[in-house]
Every structure is written in C-alpha cells, then in structure tokens.
Amino acid sequence: MTNEMALIRRVQRGDQAAFAELLEAYEKPVYNLCLRMTGNPEDAADMTQEAFLKVWRGIEQYKFESSFSTWVYRLTSNVCIDFLRGKKRRQTVSLTVDEDQDGAAELELPDAAPLPEDQVLHRETESEIVRAMNRLDDEFRMILTLRILEDLSYEEIAQVMDLKVGTVKSRLARARVKLKKILTETGNKGKHSASKQTERGVKPQ
C-alpha cells in the first residue's frame, strides 16, 4: 500500500490530520486549476476551498478505481464549471462567444487536430494562450486547460470530465480550432495596429 493510499484510508476513517496532509499535497495544483478557469485569485481561492470541502465530504465514496489526483481534478472541475455557469447567469450583460456550430451534433473528428498542443505552445506564450482560452466556452476552456496546461492524457481527461475518450478527442479538436481562430484574430489585430503606426510614420515599439 502506497503512502498516499494509506493516507486516504486514514481520512476515510475521519482522521483530520491525515486530511491536512492531503490538502497540503494537492492545494497548489487545485488552486492553479481554479485560477486558470476563473482568472481571478479571490475566486480561485474560494473555489479551492469549495473543492476541498467536496473532497472531505465525498472521500468515503472514493473506491480507488482511478488515481486520487484524477478524482480530485474531477471534483475541482465540477466546482469551477458550476461557478462559471452561475456567474454567467448572474451577469446582466451576456458575453458573446463564437459558438457557430457548437449546437450541432458532435462530430467524430480524428485525433489529428488543426492545432496540436506543441504548435500552440511553440508559437504563443502561456499568458497569450490563457487570455485566448478565457474567451472560450467553459467546457472547451476546461478540456484545453487539462490537456495543454495540466498535461493530462486523453484517458485522464475522460475520467475527470466523465466522457468517452473519443468524445474527449473530438471536443479537443473543436476547442483547438476555436483557440486557433482567437489567437489568429489577436495576432492580426496586433499586426494591423503595427501597420497603421508605420503608415503614420510611427515606429512600432
């Protein structure tokens, strides 16, 4: 039995000291995931507390069928998505996001995506990617966060988001297309601005 498994067994028996050890081990990755999803440190801190409350309340139901980290990620992702959906419902002004064909039946796209992660990370800084991802729908943002920023496998993402592996690949492909479109638009705007400055005789900084 691994140390983590033994620790989980202790928590399942109500050992709060063992839970504090688990919290210390997972607090940073959980907070980082919440921060990447909410984009706000205060909201991320609140979501982290909510996620660990769900871990404490639900750990007796953890059956060791998946890795504990995957189970924690699943609870955290649900907390984040619920928070973002509630936030949108509370907004009086809707934020428009390009949803062109998202309402249509999900396409079974091949894994060869138009925008592989290594190409994205090669051309753009992480901050640019995060800013672009913040304009995506919640589910697309979550799946890209888990794949690009958290480096989870397709199988792990499927467990976290309770999806089939084929659906994960399909949704990732669609999310990459949308991310590429946003990054391209952002890049074009930057080039357009620089071009206008040059036309006016102003040297781009």
Protein backbone atom coordinates (compact mmCIF):
# COMPACT_ATOMS: atom_id res chain seq x y z
CA MET A 1 0.00 0.00 0.00
CA THR A 2 1.41 3.39 -1.03
CA ASN A 3 1.79 6.23 1.46
CA GLU A 4 -0.96 8.19 -0.31
CA MET A 5 -3.32 5.23 -0.22
CA ALA A 6 -2.67 4.77 3.49
CA LEU A 7 -3.29 8.48 4.00
CA ILE A 8 -6.59 8.27 2.14
CA ARG A 9 -7.65 5.27 4.23
CA ARG A 10 -6.97 7.33 7.36
CA VAL A 11 -9.02 10.24 6.02
CA GLN A 12 -11.88 7.87 5.22
CA ARG A 13 -11.85 6.92 8.91
CA GLY A 14 -12.23 10.59 9.82
CA ASP A 15 -8.57 11.44 10.52
CA GLN A 16 -8.38 15.23 10.12
CA ALA A 17 -4.58 15.30 10.49
CA ALA A 18 -4.30 12.96 7.50
CA PHE A 19 -6.66 15.20 5.54
CA ALA A 20 -4.43 18.18 6.31
CA GLU A 21 -1.53 16.26 4.75
CA LEU A 22 -3.58 15.54 1.63
CA LEU A 23 -4.64 19.16 1.45
CA GLU A 24 -1.02 20.28 1.62
CA ALA A 25 -0.10 17.93 -1.22
CA TYR A 26 -2.95 18.96 -3.52
CA GLU A 27 -3.63 22.57 -2.57
CA LYS A 28 -1.28 24.10 -5.16
CA PRO A 29 -2.42 22.07 -8.22
CA VAL A 30 -6.08 22.51 -7.27
CA TYR A 31 -5.63 26.26 -6.80
CA ASN A 32 -3.76 26.54 -10.12
CA LEU A 33 -6.58 24.76 -11.96
CA CYS A 34 -9.16 27.04 -10.32
CA LEU A 35 -7.11 30.13 -11.15
CA ARG A 36 -6.77 29.12 -14.79
CA MET A 37 -10.51 28.55 -15.01
CA THR A 38 -11.70 31.66 -13.13
CA GLY A 39 -8.87 34.09 -13.96
CA ASN A 40 -9.32 35.69 -10.54
CA PRO A 41 -7.19 34.89 -7.44
CA GLU A 42 -10.01 35.53 -4.96
CA ASP A 43 -12.47 33.37 -6.90
CA ALA A 44 -9.78 30.70 -7.28
CA ALA A 45 -9.22 30.68 -3.50
CA ASP A 46 -12.97 30.31 -2.90
CA MET A 47 -13.20 27.51 -5.47
CA THR A 48 -10.21 25.75 -3.89
CA GLN A 49 -11.93 25.77 -0.51
CA GLU A 50 -15.16 24.52 -2.09
CA ALA A 51 -13.29 21.74 -3.91
CA PHE A 52 -11.59 20.51 -0.73
CA LEU A 53 -14.89 20.65 1.13
CA LYS A 54 -16.29 18.31 -1.52
CA VAL A 55 -13.21 16.08 -1.18
CA TRP A 56 -13.71 15.86 2.60
CA ARG A 57 -17.43 15.15 2.27
CA GLY A 58 -17.06 12.66 -0.56
CA ILE A 59 -13.84 10.81 0.22
CA GLU A 60 -15.69 7.90 1.83
CA GLN A 61 -17.12 7.18 -1.63
CA TYR A 62 -13.66 7.11 -3.26
CA LYS A 63 -13.15 3.49 -4.34
CA PHE A 64 -9.55 3.63 -5.64
CA GLU A 65 -10.82 2.80 -9.15
CA SER A 66 -8.98 5.80 -10.61
CA SER A 67 -5.98 7.72 -9.36
CA PHE A 68 -6.74 10.00 -6.44
CA SER A 69 -5.42 13.01 -8.38
CA THR A 70 -7.89 12.29 -11.19
CA TRP A 71 -10.72 12.06 -8.67
CA VAL A 72 -9.70 15.39 -7.10
CA TYR A 73 -9.46 17.01 -10.54
CA ARG A 74 -12.97 15.78 -11.34
CA LEU A 75 -14.43 17.36 -8.22
CA THR A 76 -12.48 20.57 -8.84
CA SER A 77 -13.53 20.83 -12.48
CA ASN A 78 -17.18 20.41 -11.50
CA VAL A 79 -16.84 23.15 -8.88
CA CYS A 80 -15.25 25.51 -11.42
CA ILE A 81 -17.81 24.87 -14.15
CA ASP A 82 -20.72 25.26 -11.71
CA PHE A 83 -19.20 28.54 -10.51
CA LEU A 84 -18.71 29.89 -14.03
CA ARG A 85 -22.23 28.92 -15.09
CA GLY A 86 -23.65 30.62 -12.01
CA LYS A 87 -21.57 33.70 -12.70
CA LYS A 88 -22.90 33.90 -16.25
CA ARG A 89 -26.48 33.58 -15.03
CA ARG A 90 -25.90 36.49 -12.67
CA GLN A 91 -24.50 38.75 -15.37
CA THR A 92 -26.94 41.26 -16.84
CA VAL A 93 -24.88 41.65 -19.99
CA SER A 94 -24.18 38.42 -21.84
CA LEU A 95 -20.66 37.80 -23.07
CA THR A 96 -20.71 36.74 -26.69
CA VAL A 97 -18.51 33.86 -27.71
CA ASP A 98 -18.29 32.39 -31.17
CA GLU A 99 -20.49 29.32 -30.99
CA ASP A 100 -21.09 28.89 -34.71
CA GLN A 101 -21.81 25.17 -34.90
CA ASP A 102 -21.50 24.10 -31.29
CA GLY A 103 -25.20 23.38 -31.04
CA ALA A 104 -24.97 20.84 -33.81
CA ALA A 105 -24.36 17.16 -33.24
CA GLU A 106 -20.83 16.49 -32.06
CA LEU A 107 -18.56 15.43 -34.89
CA GLU A 108 -16.30 12.43 -34.55
CA LEU A 109 -13.16 14.20 -35.63
CA PRO A 110 -9.85 12.34 -35.94
CA ASP A 111 -7.17 12.93 -33.31
CA ALA A 112 -5.02 14.75 -35.89
CA ALA A 113 -6.16 18.24 -34.90
CA PRO A 114 -5.62 21.50 -36.79
CA LEU A 115 -3.83 22.94 -33.77
CA PRO A 116 -1.66 20.41 -31.86
CA GLU A 117 -0.57 21.50 -28.41
CA ASP A 118 3.13 21.56 -29.28
CA GLN A 119 2.48 24.01 -32.13
CA VAL A 120 0.41 26.26 -29.89
CA LEU A 121 3.00 26.35 -27.16
CA HIS A 122 5.77 26.85 -29.69
CA ARG A 123 4.18 29.96 -31.23
CA GLU A 124 2.47 31.58 -28.27
CA THR A 125 3.40 32.36 -24.68
CA GLU A 126 1.35 30.73 -21.95
CA SER A 127 -0.16 34.07 -20.95
CA GLU A 128 -1.39 34.63 -24.52
CA ILE A 129 -2.90 31.15 -24.57
CA VAL A 130 -4.63 31.68 -21.22
CA ARG A 131 -6.07 35.03 -22.35
CA ALA A 132 -7.40 33.41 -25.52
CA MET A 133 -8.78 30.42 -23.61
CA ASN A 134 -10.70 32.75 -21.29
CA ARG A 135 -12.86 33.66 -24.30
CA LEU A 136 -13.92 30.05 -24.84
CA ASP A 137 -17.00 28.28 -23.50
CA ASP A 138 -16.47 26.72 -20.07
CA GLU A 139 -16.25 23.11 -21.28
CA PHE A 140 -13.77 23.99 -24.03
CA ARG A 141 -11.67 26.02 -21.60
CA MET A 142 -11.65 23.17 -19.11
CA ILE A 143 -10.65 20.50 -21.59
CA LEU A 144 -7.84 22.64 -23.02
CA THR A 145 -6.66 23.53 -19.52
CA LEU A 146 -6.46 19.87 -18.58
CA ARG A 147 -4.67 18.94 -21.82
CA ILE A 148 -2.37 21.89 -22.54
CA LEU A 149 -1.66 23.38 -19.14
CA GLU A 150 -2.10 20.38 -16.83
CA ASP A 151 -0.71 17.86 -19.38
CA LEU A 152 -3.30 15.17 -18.64
CA SER A 153 -3.70 12.24 -21.00
CA TYR A 154 -6.87 11.67 -23.01
CA GLU A 155 -7.80 8.83 -20.66
CA GLU A 156 -7.30 11.01 -17.57
CA ILE A 157 -9.36 13.83 -19.08
CA ALA A 158 -12.11 11.34 -19.91
CA GLN A 159 -12.22 10.27 -16.25
CA VAL A 160 -12.13 13.84 -14.96
CA MET A 161 -14.90 15.08 -17.24
CA ASP A 162 -16.86 11.80 -17.29
CA LEU A 163 -16.60 11.50 -21.07
CA LYS A 164 -15.63 8.80 -23.53
CA VAL A 165 -12.08 9.05 -24.87
CA GLY A 166 -13.42 9.56 -28.40
CA THR A 167 -15.55 12.46 -27.18
CA VAL A 168 -12.51 13.98 -25.47
CA LYS A 169 -10.55 13.88 -28.74
CA SER A 170 -13.48 15.30 -30.70
CA ARG A 171 -14.08 18.12 -28.22
CA LEU A 172 -10.36 18.90 -28.05
CA ALA A 173 -10.21 19.17 -31.82
CA ARG A 174 -13.10 21.63 -31.84
CA ALA A 175 -11.63 23.59 -28.93
CA ARG A 176 -8.28 23.88 -30.74
CA VAL A 177 -9.97 25.22 -33.85
CA LYS A 178 -11.68 27.90 -31.79
CA LEU A 179 -8.48 28.70 -29.89
CA LYS A 180 -6.55 28.98 -33.14
CA LYS A 181 -9.18 31.38 -34.50
CA ILE A 182 -8.93 33.61 -31.42
CA LEU A 183 -5.12 33.59 -31.45
CA THR A 184 -5.11 34.37 -35.17
CA GLU A 185 -7.54 37.26 -34.72
CA THR A 186 -5.47 38.63 -31.83
CA GLY A 187 -2.28 38.34 -33.87
CA ASN A 188 -3.84 40.01 -36.88
CA LYS A 189 -5.07 42.89 -34.74
CA GLY A 190 -1.56 43.36 -33.41
CA LYS A 191 -0.08 43.32 -36.91
CA HIS A 192 -2.79 45.66 -38.18
CA SER A 193 -2.06 48.11 -35.38
CA ALA A 194 1.66 48.00 -36.09
CA SER A 195 0.99 48.53 -39.81
CA LYS A 196 -1.12 51.62 -39.10
CA GLN A 197 1.60 53.03 -36.89
CA THR A 198 4.14 52.53 -39.67
CA GLU A 199 1.84 54.25 -42.17
CA ARG A 200 1.64 57.26 -39.88
CA GLY A 201 5.39 57.33 -39.55
CA VAL A 202 5.37 55.96 -36.03
CA LYS A 203 7.91 53.27 -35.33
CA PRO A 204 6.31 50.25 -33.56
CA GLN A 205 7.69 49.72 -30.06
